[in-house]
Amino acid sequence: MFVFLAVFAGFLLPVQTSVNSRLRATVGTPLAASTISFAVGTASLASLALAVDGTLRPDVGGLPWWMFLGGAFGVVVLTANIILLPRLGALATAILPIVGQVTMGLLIDAFGWFRSPVVELSVIRVTGAVLVLAGALAAAGVLDRVRSGDLGEADAGASLWFWRLFAVACGMLASSQTAVNGQLGVNVGSPVLAAFISFSVGLTTLIALLLITRTPIRWNAEVGGTWWMWVGGVLGATLVFLNAALAPILGTGLTVMGVLVGMMAASLMIDSLGLMGTRRRQASAPQMGGVLVMLAGVAMIRLL
């Protein structure tokens, strides 16, 4: 059941991306859209925390500073694709963060980083992770792009390797965010409060960036708006809450891999059906098979 919840959490991510893309078109800039999304998510988590825990001020005395970095990690991960796509091209932007996520998830579990429970790095676990990674590459359309020669354009300057390493690091930050928020939830006694703290930190970071860069928020009347473009923050809040709740139960590695399965499955569904204003793209057989391979990898890690 918990693995399926991790998959469901991943399912929300591409939906949130599509929703926030529509919000961005309406308010003008990615930073403005991210700030609004985080504000909505923070407000929804505040309401839930008051209903469930009766407070927005948990006892955080004595907790290490790194437990409050989850929100800042989330801001970096949220904007990474915007930065990386024009510099690395579509192929590397899809692959490298996934490599970082899977690798960091295994390392956190193997060495017990961020106070996570230690999970032995067995041959079966590594094999399952390789299957998840291979399936993710297939589901992301990497095999189709390699066969067609459509690898995307990328800068060929001396800084290319810096951006490649940055992409891997962003994936590692995504896994670290899962572990950090999970431990914060354990220490404050509530994954809802942990998610609220994480979103509050992220919102504060975004507001500071908005003020420093003097980024305006303008309503684009030509694009207009729809009611569902405001729910991206709620979806993101649900994702962070589920990660915080599941990481101490499943371990960071398995939680991350379950999220990846859901993310790829939802992406293929949105593209195949042309949902939320996206251009319709029929999923190929390798892409569909990639999701099944990812499921096999997750099952291997969990069941064997």
C-alpha atoms as a PDB file:
ATOM      1  CA  MET A   1       0.000   0.000   0.000  1.00  0.00           C
ATOM      2  CA  PHE A   2       2.818   2.409   0.885  1.00  0.00           C
ATOM      3  CA  VAL A   3       4.597   1.705  -2.410  1.00  0.00           C
ATOM      4  CA  PHE A   4       1.393   2.483  -4.285  1.00  0.00           C
ATOM      5  CA  LEU A   5       1.157   5.768  -2.341  1.00  0.00           C
ATOM      6  CA  ALA A   6       4.698   6.609  -3.504  1.00  0.00           C
ATOM      7  CA  VAL A   7       3.644   5.890  -7.097  1.00  0.00           C
ATOM      8  CA  PHE A   8       0.580   8.114  -6.591  1.00  0.00           C
ATOM      9  CA  ALA A   9       2.839  10.890  -5.275  1.00  0.00           C
ATOM     10  CA  GLY A  10       4.922  10.664  -8.433  1.00  0.00           C
ATOM     11  CA  PHE A  11       1.744  10.715 -10.513  1.00  0.00           C
ATOM     12  CA  LEU A  12       1.003  14.181  -9.132  1.00  0.00           C
ATOM     13  CA  LEU A  13       4.302  15.703 -10.274  1.00  0.00           C
ATOM     14  CA  PRO A  14       3.727  15.931 -14.053  1.00  0.00           C
ATOM     15  CA  VAL A  15       0.164  17.099 -13.400  1.00  0.00           C
ATOM     16  CA  GLN A  16       1.548  19.864 -11.179  1.00  0.00           C
ATOM     17  CA  THR A  17       4.089  20.791 -13.870  1.00  0.00           C
ATOM     18  CA  SER A  18       1.354  21.124 -16.486  1.00  0.00           C
ATOM     19  CA  VAL A  19      -0.803  23.183 -14.144  1.00  0.00           C
ATOM     20  CA  ASN A  20       2.086  25.493 -13.221  1.00  0.00           C
ATOM     21  CA  SER A  21       2.977  25.904 -16.908  1.00  0.00           C
ATOM     22  CA  ARG A  22      -0.500  27.299 -17.515  1.00  0.00           C
ATOM     23  CA  LEU A  23      -0.116  29.574 -14.490  1.00  0.00           C
ATOM     24  CA  ARG A  24       3.239  30.761 -15.834  1.00  0.00           C
ATOM     25  CA  ALA A  25       1.641  31.700 -19.163  1.00  0.00           C
ATOM     26  CA  THR A  26      -0.921  33.787 -17.284  1.00  0.00           C
ATOM     27  CA  VAL A  27       1.331  35.586 -14.769  1.00  0.00           C
ATOM     28  CA  GLY A  28       4.318  36.029 -17.069  1.00  0.00           C
ATOM     29  CA  THR A  29       7.420  34.458 -15.471  1.00  0.00           C
ATOM     30  CA  PRO A  30       8.472  31.083 -13.980  1.00  0.00           C
ATOM     31  CA  LEU A  31       9.530  32.761 -10.721  1.00  0.00           C
ATOM     32  CA  ALA A  32       6.161  34.456 -10.295  1.00  0.00           C
ATOM     33  CA  ALA A  33       4.314  31.219 -11.046  1.00  0.00           C
ATOM     34  CA  SER A  34       6.482  29.264  -8.587  1.00  0.00           C
ATOM     35  CA  THR A  35       5.894  31.853  -5.860  1.00  0.00           C
ATOM     36  CA  ILE A  36       2.123  31.754  -6.323  1.00  0.00           C
ATOM     37  CA  SER A  37       2.179  27.939  -6.400  1.00  0.00           C
ATOM     38  CA  PHE A  38       4.184  27.775  -3.162  1.00  0.00           C
ATOM     39  CA  ALA A  39       1.890  30.332  -1.515  1.00  0.00           C
ATOM     40  CA  VAL A  40      -1.195  28.250  -2.346  1.00  0.00           C
ATOM     41  CA  GLY A  41       0.552  25.092  -1.121  1.00  0.00           C
ATOM     42  CA  THR A  42       1.648  26.746   2.118  1.00  0.00           C
ATOM     43  CA  ALA A  43      -1.883  28.011   2.808  1.00  0.00           C
ATOM     44  CA  SER A  44      -3.413  24.579   2.165  1.00  0.00           C
ATOM     45  CA  LEU A  45      -0.870  22.868   4.444  1.00  0.00           C
ATOM     46  CA  ALA A  46      -1.461  25.477   7.160  1.00  0.00           C
ATOM     47  CA  SER A  47      -5.195  24.720   7.073  1.00  0.00           C
ATOM     48  CA  LEU A  48      -4.558  20.969   7.200  1.00  0.00           C
ATOM     49  CA  ALA A  49      -2.027  21.282  10.028  1.00  0.00           C
ATOM     50  CA  LEU A  50      -4.472  23.325  12.115  1.00  0.00           C
ATOM     51  CA  ALA A  51      -7.196  20.735  11.495  1.00  0.00           C
ATOM     52  CA  VAL A  52      -5.011  17.688  12.185  1.00  0.00           C
ATOM     53  CA  ASP A  53      -2.417  18.893  14.710  1.00  0.00           C
ATOM     54  CA  GLY A  54      -4.059  22.021  16.104  1.00  0.00           C
ATOM     55  CA  THR A  55      -0.898  24.129  15.753  1.00  0.00           C
ATOM     56  CA  LEU A  56       1.459  25.766  13.302  1.00  0.00           C
ATOM     57  CA  ARG A  57       4.249  26.055  15.866  1.00  0.00           C
ATOM     58  CA  PRO A  58       5.764  22.628  16.507  1.00  0.00           C
ATOM     59  CA  ASP A  59       8.628  22.193  18.943  1.00  0.00           C
ATOM     60  CA  VAL A  60      11.733  22.446  16.751  1.00  0.00           C
ATOM     61  CA  GLY A  61      14.201  23.270  19.509  1.00  0.00           C
ATOM     62  CA  GLY A  62      17.465  21.366  19.222  1.00  0.00           C
ATOM     63  CA  LEU A  63      16.842  20.126  15.695  1.00  0.00           C
ATOM     64  CA  PRO A  64      19.844  20.355  13.323  1.00  0.00           C
ATOM     65  CA  TRP A  65      19.835  23.133  10.725  1.00  0.00           C
ATOM     66  CA  TRP A  66      19.793  20.752   7.772  1.00  0.00           C
ATOM     67  CA  MET A  67      16.284  19.555   8.652  1.00  0.00           C
ATOM     68  CA  PHE A  68      14.947  22.909   7.451  1.00  0.00           C
ATOM     69  CA  LEU A  69      16.576  22.792   4.010  1.00  0.00           C
ATOM     70  CA  GLY A  70      13.875  20.719   2.293  1.00  0.00           C
ATOM     71  CA  GLY A  71      12.001  23.795   1.065  1.00  0.00           C
ATOM     72  CA  ALA A  72      15.150  25.378  -0.380  1.00  0.00           C
ATOM     73  CA  PHE A  73      15.996  22.093  -2.113  1.00  0.00           C
ATOM     74  CA  GLY A  74      12.494  22.090  -3.583  1.00  0.00           C
ATOM     75  CA  VAL A  75      12.955  25.582  -5.037  1.00  0.00           C
ATOM     76  CA  VAL A  76      16.175  24.518  -6.783  1.00  0.00           C
ATOM     77  CA  VAL A  77      14.598  21.346  -8.186  1.00  0.00           C
ATOM     78  CA  LEU A  78      11.500  23.261  -9.309  1.00  0.00           C
ATOM     79  CA  THR A  79      13.506  25.684 -11.460  1.00  0.00           C
ATOM     80  CA  ALA A  80      16.205  23.243 -12.650  1.00  0.00           C
ATOM     81  CA  ASN A  81      14.501  22.244 -15.910  1.00  0.00           C
ATOM     82  CA  ILE A  82      14.032  25.881 -16.904  1.00  0.00           C
ATOM     83  CA  ILE A  83      17.774  26.456 -16.471  1.00  0.00           C
ATOM     84  CA  LEU A  84      19.006  23.181 -17.954  1.00  0.00           C
ATOM     85  CA  LEU A  85      16.873  22.664 -21.064  1.00  0.00           C
ATOM     86  CA  PRO A  86      18.455  25.364 -23.267  1.00  0.00           C
ATOM     87  CA  ARG A  87      21.955  24.423 -22.117  1.00  0.00           C
ATOM     88  CA  LEU A  88      21.889  20.617 -22.260  1.00  0.00           C
ATOM     89  CA  GLY A  89      19.048  19.782 -24.623  1.00  0.00           C
ATOM     90  CA  ALA A  90      16.009  17.628 -23.949  1.00  0.00           C
ATOM     91  CA  LEU A  91      17.799  14.274 -23.727  1.00  0.00           C
ATOM     92  CA  ALA A  92      20.360  15.148 -21.039  1.00  0.00           C
ATOM     93  CA  THR A  93      17.800  17.205 -19.104  1.00  0.00           C
ATOM     94  CA  ALA A  94      15.601  14.088 -18.874  1.00  0.00           C
ATOM     95  CA  ILE A  95      18.363  11.592 -18.051  1.00  0.00           C
ATOM     96  CA  LEU A  96      20.831  13.245 -15.684  1.00  0.00           C
ATOM     97  CA  PRO A  97      18.482  14.279 -12.829  1.00  0.00           C
ATOM     98  CA  ILE A  98      17.030  10.738 -12.781  1.00  0.00           C
ATOM     99  CA  VAL A  99      20.544   9.322 -12.472  1.00  0.00           C
ATOM    100  CA  GLY A 100      21.123  11.633  -9.523  1.00  0.00           C
ATOM    101  CA  GLN A 101      17.821  10.712  -7.858  1.00  0.00           C
ATOM    102  CA  VAL A 102      18.323   6.954  -8.048  1.00  0.00           C
ATOM    103  CA  THR A 103      21.988   7.105  -7.017  1.00  0.00           C
ATOM    104  CA  MET A 104      21.416   9.436  -4.065  1.00  0.00           C
ATOM    105  CA  GLY A 105      18.416   7.427  -2.887  1.00  0.00           C
ATOM    106  CA  LEU A 106      20.554   4.284  -2.663  1.00  0.00           C
ATOM    107  CA  LEU A 107      23.432   6.118  -0.945  1.00  0.00           C
ATOM    108  CA  ILE A 108      21.168   7.703   1.681  1.00  0.00           C
ATOM    109  CA  ASP A 109      19.757   4.293   2.575  1.00  0.00           C
ATOM    110  CA  ALA A 110      23.137   2.510   2.487  1.00  0.00           C
ATOM    111  CA  PHE A 111      24.968   4.992   4.739  1.00  0.00           C
ATOM    112  CA  GLY A 112      22.058   6.255   6.828  1.00  0.00           C
ATOM    113  CA  TRP A 113      22.563   9.882   5.833  1.00  0.00           C
ATOM    114  CA  PHE A 114      20.121  12.447   7.267  1.00  0.00           C
ATOM    115  CA  ARG A 115      19.461   9.998  10.133  1.00  0.00           C
ATOM    116  CA  SER A 116      17.682   7.633   7.742  1.00  0.00           C
ATOM    117  CA  PRO A 117      17.387   3.928   8.638  1.00  0.00           C
ATOM    118  CA  VAL A 118      20.277   1.972   7.137  1.00  0.00           C
ATOM    119  CA  VAL A 119      19.258  -0.413   4.338  1.00  0.00           C
ATOM    120  CA  GLU A 120      21.941  -2.793   3.082  1.00  0.00           C
ATOM    121  CA  LEU A 121      23.105  -2.167  -0.483  1.00  0.00           C
ATOM    122  CA  SER A 122      22.495  -5.715  -1.705  1.00  0.00           C
ATOM    123  CA  VAL A 123      22.904  -7.115  -5.230  1.00  0.00           C
ATOM    124  CA  ILE A 124      19.107  -7.408  -5.556  1.00  0.00           C
ATOM    125  CA  ARG A 125      18.627  -3.792  -4.485  1.00  0.00           C
ATOM    126  CA  VAL A 126      21.214  -2.513  -6.960  1.00  0.00           C
ATOM    127  CA  THR A 127      19.718  -4.667  -9.742  1.00  0.00           C
ATOM    128  CA  GLY A 128      16.258  -3.293  -9.000  1.00  0.00           C
ATOM    129  CA  ALA A 129      17.625   0.266  -9.085  1.00  0.00           C
ATOM    130  CA  VAL A 130      19.275  -0.408 -12.462  1.00  0.00           C
ATOM    131  CA  LEU A 131      15.939  -1.678 -13.797  1.00  0.00           C
ATOM    132  CA  VAL A 132      14.181   1.452 -12.521  1.00  0.00           C
ATOM    133  CA  LEU A 133      16.813   3.650 -14.154  1.00  0.00           C
ATOM    134  CA  ALA A 134      16.705   1.742 -17.459  1.00  0.00           C
ATOM    135  CA  GLY A 135      12.916   1.810 -17.487  1.00  0.00           C
ATOM    136  CA  ALA A 136      12.930   5.546 -16.746  1.00  0.00           C
ATOM    137  CA  LEU A 137      15.209   6.214 -19.699  1.00  0.00           C
ATOM    138  CA  ALA A 138      12.951   4.187 -21.992  1.00  0.00           C
ATOM    139  CA  ALA A 139       9.806   5.854 -20.642  1.00  0.00           C
ATOM    140  CA  ALA A 140      11.364   9.280 -21.115  1.00  0.00           C
ATOM    141  CA  GLY A 141      11.685   8.517 -24.819  1.00  0.00           C
ATOM    142  CA  VAL A 142      15.462   8.223 -24.778  1.00  0.00           C
ATOM    143  CA  LEU A 143      15.482   5.074 -26.937  1.00  0.00           C
ATOM    144  CA  ASP A 144      13.167   6.700 -29.483  1.00  0.00           C
ATOM    145  CA  ARG A 145      15.339   9.826 -29.647  1.00  0.00           C
ATOM    146  CA  VAL A 146      18.565   7.846 -30.027  1.00  0.00           C
ATOM    147  CA  ARG A 147      17.083   5.806 -32.901  1.00  0.00           C
ATOM    148  CA  SER A 148      15.832   8.908 -34.675  1.00  0.00           C
ATOM    149  CA  GLY A 149      18.956  10.956 -33.976  1.00  0.00           C
ATOM    150  CA  ASP A 150      16.855  13.633 -32.231  1.00  0.00           C
ATOM    151  CA  LEU A 151      19.101  14.243 -29.242  1.00  0.00           C
ATOM    152  CA  GLY A 152      18.245  17.904 -28.813  1.00  0.00           C
ATOM    153  CA  GLU A 153      20.543  20.878 -29.155  1.00  0.00           C
ATOM    154  CA  ALA A 154      23.017  21.771 -26.438  1.00  0.00           C
ATOM    155  CA  ASP A 155      25.698  24.373 -25.854  1.00  0.00           C
ATOM    156  CA  ALA A 156      29.109  23.067 -26.842  1.00  0.00           C
ATOM    157  CA  GLY A 157      31.141  25.463 -24.693  1.00  0.00           C
ATOM    158  CA  ALA A 158      33.604  24.672 -21.932  1.00  0.00           C
ATOM    159  CA  SER A 159      30.862  24.971 -19.297  1.00  0.00           C
ATOM    160  CA  LEU A 160      28.944  21.947 -20.624  1.00  0.00           C
ATOM    161  CA  TRP A 161      30.285  19.576 -17.995  1.00  0.00           C
ATOM    162  CA  PHE A 162      29.381  22.027 -15.242  1.00  0.00           C
ATOM    163  CA  TRP A 163      25.743  21.961 -16.346  1.00  0.00           C
ATOM    164  CA  ARG A 164      25.794  18.159 -16.625  1.00  0.00           C
ATOM    165  CA  LEU A 165      27.051  17.887 -13.053  1.00  0.00           C
ATOM    166  CA  PHE A 166      24.485  20.473 -11.976  1.00  0.00           C
ATOM    167  CA  ALA A 167      21.718  18.323 -13.504  1.00  0.00           C
ATOM    168  CA  VAL A 168      22.901  15.250 -11.570  1.00  0.00           C
ATOM    169  CA  ALA A 169      23.182  17.363  -8.416  1.00  0.00           C
ATOM    170  CA  CYS A 170      19.596  18.580  -8.838  1.00  0.00           C
ATOM    171  CA  GLY A 171      18.436  14.966  -8.943  1.00  0.00           C
ATOM    172  CA  MET A 172      20.437  14.264  -5.795  1.00  0.00           C
ATOM    173  CA  LEU A 173      18.834  17.274  -4.112  1.00  0.00           C
ATOM    174  CA  ALA A 174      15.392  15.860  -4.936  1.00  0.00           C
ATOM    175  CA  SER A 175      16.251  12.631  -3.087  1.00  0.00           C
ATOM    176  CA  SER A 176      17.819  14.600  -0.239  1.00  0.00           C
ATOM    177  CA  GLN A 177      14.616  16.640   0.084  1.00  0.00           C
ATOM    178  CA  THR A 178      12.641  13.422   0.538  1.00  0.00           C
ATOM    179  CA  ALA A 179      15.007  12.215   3.281  1.00  0.00           C
ATOM    180  CA  VAL A 180      15.210  15.590   5.048  1.00  0.00           C
ATOM    181  CA  ASN A 181      11.458  16.119   5.124  1.00  0.00           C
ATOM    182  CA  GLY A 182      10.962  12.549   6.287  1.00  0.00           C
ATOM    183  CA  GLN A 183      13.245  13.073   9.269  1.00  0.00           C
ATOM    184  CA  LEU A 184      11.674  16.451  10.017  1.00  0.00           C
ATOM    185  CA  GLY A 185       8.283  14.737  10.115  1.00  0.00           C
ATOM    186  CA  VAL A 186       9.592  12.114  12.542  1.00  0.00           C
ATOM    187  CA  ASN A 187      11.100  14.743  14.855  1.00  0.00           C
ATOM    188  CA  VAL A 188       8.110  17.119  14.944  1.00  0.00           C
ATOM    189  CA  GLY A 189       5.710  14.187  15.156  1.00  0.00           C
ATOM    190  CA  SER A 190       3.707  15.041  12.039  1.00  0.00           C
ATOM    191  CA  PRO A 191       4.410  14.772   8.284  1.00  0.00           C
ATOM    192  CA  VAL A 192       1.803  17.523   7.774  1.00  0.00           C
ATOM    193  CA  LEU A 193       3.778  19.965   9.922  1.00  0.00           C
ATOM    194  CA  ALA A 194       6.991  18.872   8.205  1.00  0.00           C
ATOM    195  CA  ALA A 195       5.489  19.618   4.800  1.00  0.00           C
ATOM    196  CA  PHE A 196       4.198  22.980   6.091  1.00  0.00           C
ATOM    197  CA  ILE A 197       7.662  23.939   7.366  1.00  0.00           C
ATOM    198  CA  SER A 198       9.242  22.853   4.074  1.00  0.00           C
ATOM    199  CA  PHE A 199       6.785  24.886   2.016  1.00  0.00           C
ATOM    200  CA  SER A 200       7.191  27.912   4.298  1.00  0.00           C
ATOM    201  CA  VAL A 201      10.965  27.855   3.790  1.00  0.00           C
ATOM    202  CA  GLY A 202      10.488  27.471   0.037  1.00  0.00           C
ATOM    203  CA  LEU A 203       7.978  30.327  -0.086  1.00  0.00           C
ATOM    204  CA  THR A 204      10.294  32.605   1.900  1.00  0.00           C
ATOM    205  CA  THR A 205      13.145  31.784  -0.490  1.00  0.00           C
ATOM    206  CA  LEU A 206      10.998  32.525  -3.544  1.00  0.00           C
ATOM    207  CA  ILE A 207       9.682  35.821  -2.139  1.00  0.00           C
ATOM    208  CA  ALA A 208      13.274  36.904  -1.445  1.00  0.00           C
ATOM    209  CA  LEU A 209      14.272  36.010  -5.015  1.00  0.00           C
ATOM    210  CA  LEU A 210      11.211  37.829  -6.350  1.00  0.00           C
ATOM    211  CA  LEU A 211      12.200  40.997  -4.475  1.00  0.00           C
ATOM    212  CA  ILE A 212      15.912  40.773  -5.286  1.00  0.00           C
ATOM    213  CA  THR A 213      15.319  40.261  -9.004  1.00  0.00           C
ATOM    214  CA  ARG A 214      12.386  42.710  -9.042  1.00  0.00           C
ATOM    215  CA  THR A 215      10.385  40.201 -11.031  1.00  0.00           C
ATOM    216  CA  PRO A 216       6.897  41.555 -11.784  1.00  0.00           C
ATOM    217  CA  ILE A 217       3.673  39.581 -11.556  1.00  0.00           C
ATOM    218  CA  ARG A 218       1.494  40.590 -14.483  1.00  0.00           C
ATOM    219  CA  TRP A 219      -1.856  39.169 -15.522  1.00  0.00           C
ATOM    220  CA  ASN A 220      -1.843  38.241 -19.206  1.00  0.00           C
ATOM    221  CA  ALA A 221      -5.393  38.968 -20.311  1.00  0.00           C
ATOM    222  CA  GLU A 222      -4.784  37.419 -23.721  1.00  0.00           C
ATOM    223  CA  VAL A 223      -3.976  34.037 -22.183  1.00  0.00           C
ATOM    224  CA  GLY A 224      -6.618  34.293 -19.482  1.00  0.00           C
ATOM    225  CA  GLY A 225      -7.024  31.811 -16.681  1.00  0.00           C
ATOM    226  CA  THR A 226      -8.792  28.634 -15.682  1.00  0.00           C
ATOM    227  CA  TRP A 227      -9.757  27.486 -12.208  1.00  0.00           C
ATOM    228  CA  TRP A 228      -7.414  24.496 -12.264  1.00  0.00           C
ATOM    229  CA  MET A 229      -4.264  26.572 -12.802  1.00  0.00           C
ATOM    230  CA  TRP A 230      -4.446  27.552  -9.093  1.00  0.00           C
ATOM    231  CA  VAL A 231      -4.298  23.971  -7.752  1.00  0.00           C
ATOM    232  CA  GLY A 232      -0.612  23.374  -8.564  1.00  0.00           C
ATOM    233  CA  GLY A 233       0.355  24.377  -5.039  1.00  0.00           C
ATOM    234  CA  VAL A 234      -2.128  21.911  -3.536  1.00  0.00           C
ATOM    235  CA  LEU A 235      -0.701  19.116  -5.695  1.00  0.00           C
ATOM    236  CA  GLY A 236       2.832  20.054  -4.688  1.00  0.00           C
ATOM    237  CA  ALA A 237       1.843  20.167  -1.020  1.00  0.00           C
ATOM    238  CA  THR A 238       0.334  16.679  -1.308  1.00  0.00           C
ATOM    239  CA  LEU A 239       3.517  15.392  -2.941  1.00  0.00           C
ATOM    240  CA  VAL A 240       5.778  16.835  -0.221  1.00  0.00           C
ATOM    241  CA  PHE A 241       3.466  15.520   2.519  1.00  0.00           C
ATOM    242  CA  LEU A 242       3.454  11.999   1.054  1.00  0.00           C
ATOM    243  CA  ASN A 243       7.245  12.007   0.679  1.00  0.00           C
ATOM    244  CA  ALA A 244       7.658  13.133   4.293  1.00  0.00           C
ATOM    245  CA  ALA A 245       5.277  10.410   5.480  1.00  0.00           C
ATOM    246  CA  LEU A 246       6.649   7.581   3.314  1.00  0.00           C
ATOM    247  CA  ALA A 247      10.433   8.090   3.540  1.00  0.00           C
ATOM    248  CA  PRO A 248      10.701   6.845   7.164  1.00  0.00           C
ATOM    249  CA  ILE A 249       8.534   3.814   6.282  1.00  0.00           C
ATOM    250  CA  LEU A 250       9.900   2.730   2.893  1.00  0.00           C
ATOM    251  CA  GLY A 251      13.344   4.294   3.005  1.00  0.00           C
ATOM    252  CA  THR A 252      14.463   7.127   0.772  1.00  0.00           C
ATOM    253  CA  GLY A 253      15.584   4.912  -2.109  1.00  0.00           C
ATOM    254  CA  LEU A 254      12.334   3.005  -2.540  1.00  0.00           C
ATOM    255  CA  THR A 255      10.232   6.149  -2.042  1.00  0.00           C
ATOM    256  CA  VAL A 256      12.189   7.951  -4.774  1.00  0.00           C
ATOM    257  CA  MET A 257      11.873   5.014  -7.169  1.00  0.00           C
ATOM    258  CA  GLY A 258       8.137   4.695  -6.566  1.00  0.00           C
ATOM    259  CA  VAL A 259       7.755   8.418  -7.255  1.00  0.00           C
ATOM    260  CA  LEU A 260       9.708   8.003 -10.510  1.00  0.00           C
ATOM    261  CA  VAL A 261       7.333   5.245 -11.664  1.00  0.00           C
ATOM    262  CA  GLY A 262       4.304   7.434 -11.034  1.00  0.00           C
ATOM    263  CA  MET A 263       5.966  10.442 -12.646  1.00  0.00           C
ATOM    264  CA  MET A 264       6.735   8.570 -15.875  1.00  0.00           C
ATOM    265  CA  ALA A 265       3.302   6.924 -16.027  1.00  0.00           C
ATOM    266  CA  ALA A 266       1.503  10.255 -15.568  1.00  0.00           C
ATOM    267  CA  SER A 267       3.731  11.985 -18.130  1.00  0.00           C
ATOM    268  CA  LEU A 268       2.901   9.365 -20.746  1.00  0.00           C
ATOM    269  CA  MET A 269      -0.813   9.604 -19.962  1.00  0.00           C
ATOM    270  CA  ILE A 270      -0.836  13.423 -20.229  1.00  0.00           C
ATOM    271  CA  ASP A 271       1.049  13.320 -23.528  1.00  0.00           C
ATOM    272  CA  SER A 272      -1.019  10.473 -25.005  1.00  0.00           C
ATOM    273  CA  LEU A 273      -4.348  12.111 -24.177  1.00  0.00           C
ATOM    274  CA  GLY A 274      -3.277  15.714 -24.693  1.00  0.00           C
ATOM    275  CA  LEU A 275      -4.538  16.727 -21.256  1.00  0.00           C
ATOM    276  CA  MET A 276      -4.448  20.260 -19.802  1.00  0.00           C
ATOM    277  CA  GLY A 277      -3.676  21.922 -23.090  1.00  0.00           C
ATOM    278  CA  THR A 278      -0.582  19.895 -23.955  1.00  0.00           C
ATOM    279  CA  ARG A 279       0.120  18.751 -27.498  1.00  0.00           C
ATOM    280  CA  ARG A 280      -0.995  15.157 -28.020  1.00  0.00           C
ATOM    281  CA  ARG A 281       1.885  12.693 -28.521  1.00  0.00           C
ATOM    282  CA  GLN A 282       1.236   8.992 -28.853  1.00  0.00           C
ATOM    283  CA  ALA A 283       3.348   6.899 -26.469  1.00  0.00           C
ATOM    284  CA  SER A 284       5.613   4.361 -28.189  1.00  0.00           C
ATOM    285  CA  ALA A 285       5.981   0.698 -27.280  1.00  0.00           C
ATOM    286  CA  PRO A 286       9.445   1.246 -25.696  1.00  0.00           C
ATOM    287  CA  GLN A 287       8.001   4.005 -23.527  1.00  0.00           C
ATOM    288  CA  MET A 288       5.135   1.845 -22.302  1.00  0.00           C
ATOM    289  CA  GLY A 289       7.523  -1.047 -21.736  1.00  0.00           C
ATOM    290  CA  GLY A 290       9.805   1.257 -19.764  1.00  0.00           C
ATOM    291  CA  VAL A 291       7.103   1.875 -17.152  1.00  0.00           C
ATOM    292  CA  LEU A 292       6.613  -1.892 -16.773  1.00  0.00           C
ATOM    293  CA  VAL A 293      10.375  -2.369 -16.334  1.00  0.00           C
ATOM    294  CA  MET A 294      10.361   0.330 -13.643  1.00  0.00           C
ATOM    295  CA  LEU A 295       7.537  -1.466 -11.841  1.00  0.00           C
ATOM    296  CA  ALA A 296       9.529  -4.703 -12.004  1.00  0.00           C
ATOM    297  CA  GLY A 297      12.529  -2.939 -10.475  1.00  0.00           C
ATOM    298  CA  VAL A 298      10.469  -1.496  -7.614  1.00  0.00           C
ATOM    299  CA  ALA A 299       8.870  -4.906  -6.973  1.00  0.00           C
ATOM    300  CA  MET A 300      12.326  -6.512  -6.878  1.00  0.00           C
ATOM    301  CA  ILE A 301      13.555  -4.030  -4.266  1.00  0.00           C
ATOM    302  CA  ARG A 302      10.433  -4.314  -2.128  1.00  0.00           C
ATOM    303  CA  LEU A 303       9.546  -7.985  -2.357  1.00  0.00           C
ATOM    304  CA  LEU A 304      12.869  -9.843  -2.664  1.00  0.00           C
END
